[in-house]
Amino acid sequence: MKKIFLTTFAAIVALSVLTGCTRTSYAIHTNDGRTIISDGKPKESSTGLIGYTDANGVKQQINRQDVKEVSEIPH
């Protein structure tokens, strides 16, 4: 009985870890030709800025007028 519980618990923990690693990245293409990779979906605020977390984990913002396109990067 204890062995079944431990096996089930280990499987749940392993699945949780794998699920946490499946965060989607997005490419933000700017009007001046740059491509910025964000970790997670960028969010637009009411002030006209797009907030995102860059590849180094730092929160950044860019003016919406400077963005040409935001697209999801397929895995």
C-alpha atoms as a PDB file:
ATOM      1  CA  MET A   1       0.000   0.000   0.000  1.00  0.00           C
ATOM      2  CA  LYS A   2       2.825   2.387   0.887  1.00  0.00           C
ATOM      3  CA  LYS A   3       4.640   1.573  -2.348  1.00  0.00           C
ATOM      4  CA  ILE A   4       1.563   2.439  -4.461  1.00  0.00           C
ATOM      5  CA  PHE A   5       1.156   5.750  -2.628  1.00  0.00           C
ATOM      6  CA  LEU A   6       4.817   6.679  -3.153  1.00  0.00           C
ATOM      7  CA  THR A   7       4.710   5.715  -6.834  1.00  0.00           C
ATOM      8  CA  THR A   8       1.549   7.759  -7.388  1.00  0.00           C
ATOM      9  CA  PHE A   9       2.981  10.719  -5.486  1.00  0.00           C
ATOM     10  CA  ALA A  10       6.218  10.602  -7.526  1.00  0.00           C
ATOM     11  CA  ALA A  11       4.232  10.499 -10.778  1.00  0.00           C
ATOM     12  CA  ILE A  12       2.170  13.536  -9.750  1.00  0.00           C
ATOM     13  CA  VAL A  13       5.280  15.499  -8.806  1.00  0.00           C
ATOM     14  CA  ALA A  14       6.989  14.601 -12.094  1.00  0.00           C
ATOM     15  CA  LEU A  15       3.920  15.620 -14.086  1.00  0.00           C
ATOM     16  CA  SER A  16       3.688  18.920 -12.226  1.00  0.00           C
ATOM     17  CA  VAL A  17       7.317  19.717 -12.985  1.00  0.00           C
ATOM     18  CA  LEU A  18       6.859  18.952 -16.676  1.00  0.00           C
ATOM     19  CA  THR A  19       3.695  21.037 -16.875  1.00  0.00           C
ATOM     20  CA  GLY A  20       5.470  24.030 -15.349  1.00  0.00           C
ATOM     21  CA  CYS A  21       8.132  23.951 -18.053  1.00  0.00           C
ATOM     22  CA  THR A  22       5.745  24.337 -20.969  1.00  0.00           C
ATOM     23  CA  ARG A  23       5.523  28.128 -20.928  1.00  0.00           C
ATOM     24  CA  THR A  24       4.962  29.597 -24.372  1.00  0.00           C
ATOM     25  CA  SER A  25       7.361  32.160 -25.833  1.00  0.00           C
ATOM     26  CA  TYR A  26       6.338  35.001 -28.129  1.00  0.00           C
ATOM     27  CA  ALA A  27       8.218  36.995 -30.763  1.00  0.00           C
ATOM     28  CA  ILE A  28       7.644  40.744 -30.732  1.00  0.00           C
ATOM     29  CA  HIS A  29       8.544  42.201 -34.137  1.00  0.00           C
ATOM     30  CA  THR A  30       9.239  45.937 -34.063  1.00  0.00           C
ATOM     31  CA  ASN A  31       8.856  48.518 -36.822  1.00  0.00           C
ATOM     32  CA  ASP A  32      12.636  49.047 -36.929  1.00  0.00           C
ATOM     33  CA  GLY A  33      13.295  45.359 -37.705  1.00  0.00           C
ATOM     34  CA  ARG A  34      14.196  44.041 -34.240  1.00  0.00           C
ATOM     35  CA  THR A  35      12.757  40.815 -32.864  1.00  0.00           C
ATOM     36  CA  ILE A  36      12.308  40.532 -29.107  1.00  0.00           C
ATOM     37  CA  ILE A  37      11.637  37.135 -27.529  1.00  0.00           C
ATOM     38  CA  SER A  38       9.333  37.211 -24.510  1.00  0.00           C
ATOM     39  CA  ASP A  39       8.851  34.521 -21.898  1.00  0.00           C
ATOM     40  CA  GLY A  40       5.070  34.209 -21.729  1.00  0.00           C
ATOM     41  CA  LYS A  41       2.398  36.254 -23.455  1.00  0.00           C
ATOM     42  CA  PRO A  42       2.972  40.016 -23.568  1.00  0.00           C
ATOM     43  CA  LYS A  43       0.235  42.132 -21.981  1.00  0.00           C
ATOM     44  CA  GLU A  44      -0.981  45.463 -23.332  1.00  0.00           C
ATOM     45  CA  SER A  45      -1.841  48.152 -20.796  1.00  0.00           C
ATOM     46  CA  SER A  46      -4.298  51.026 -21.090  1.00  0.00           C
ATOM     47  CA  THR A  47      -1.348  53.444 -21.318  1.00  0.00           C
ATOM     48  CA  GLY A  48      -0.328  52.114 -24.750  1.00  0.00           C
ATOM     49  CA  LEU A  49       2.617  50.055 -23.529  1.00  0.00           C
ATOM     50  CA  ILE A  50       3.182  46.337 -24.006  1.00  0.00           C
ATOM     51  CA  GLY A  51       4.730  44.642 -20.994  1.00  0.00           C
ATOM     52  CA  TYR A  52       6.708  41.429 -21.311  1.00  0.00           C
ATOM     53  CA  THR A  53       9.381  39.387 -19.565  1.00  0.00           C
ATOM     54  CA  ASP A  54      12.544  39.032 -21.623  1.00  0.00           C
ATOM     55  CA  ALA A  55      14.706  35.933 -21.991  1.00  0.00           C
ATOM     56  CA  ASN A  56      16.756  36.944 -18.922  1.00  0.00           C
ATOM     57  CA  GLY A  57      13.649  37.145 -16.723  1.00  0.00           C
ATOM     58  CA  VAL A  58      13.636  40.966 -16.603  1.00  0.00           C
ATOM     59  CA  LYS A  59      10.298  42.759 -16.979  1.00  0.00           C
ATOM     60  CA  GLN A  60      10.359  45.207 -19.884  1.00  0.00           C
ATOM     61  CA  GLN A  61       7.921  47.518 -21.683  1.00  0.00           C
ATOM     62  CA  ILE A  62       7.724  48.765 -25.249  1.00  0.00           C
ATOM     63  CA  ASN A  63       5.486  51.377 -26.827  1.00  0.00           C
ATOM     64  CA  ARG A  64       2.611  49.790 -28.788  1.00  0.00           C
ATOM     65  CA  GLN A  65       3.306  52.137 -31.724  1.00  0.00           C
ATOM     66  CA  ASP A  66       6.777  50.615 -32.089  1.00  0.00           C
ATOM     67  CA  VAL A  67       5.397  47.059 -32.425  1.00  0.00           C
ATOM     68  CA  LYS A  68       4.584  45.677 -35.853  1.00  0.00           C
ATOM     69  CA  GLU A  69       3.446  42.181 -34.798  1.00  0.00           C
ATOM     70  CA  VAL A  70       3.355  39.772 -31.864  1.00  0.00           C
ATOM     71  CA  SER A  71       3.389  36.080 -32.722  1.00  0.00           C
ATOM     72  CA  GLU A  72       3.553  32.844 -30.761  1.00  0.00           C
ATOM     73  CA  ILE A  73       6.707  30.782 -31.237  1.00  0.00           C
ATOM     74  CA  PRO A  74       5.754  27.145 -31.915  1.00  0.00           C
ATOM     75  CA  HIS A  75       7.576  24.456 -29.894  1.00  0.00           C
END
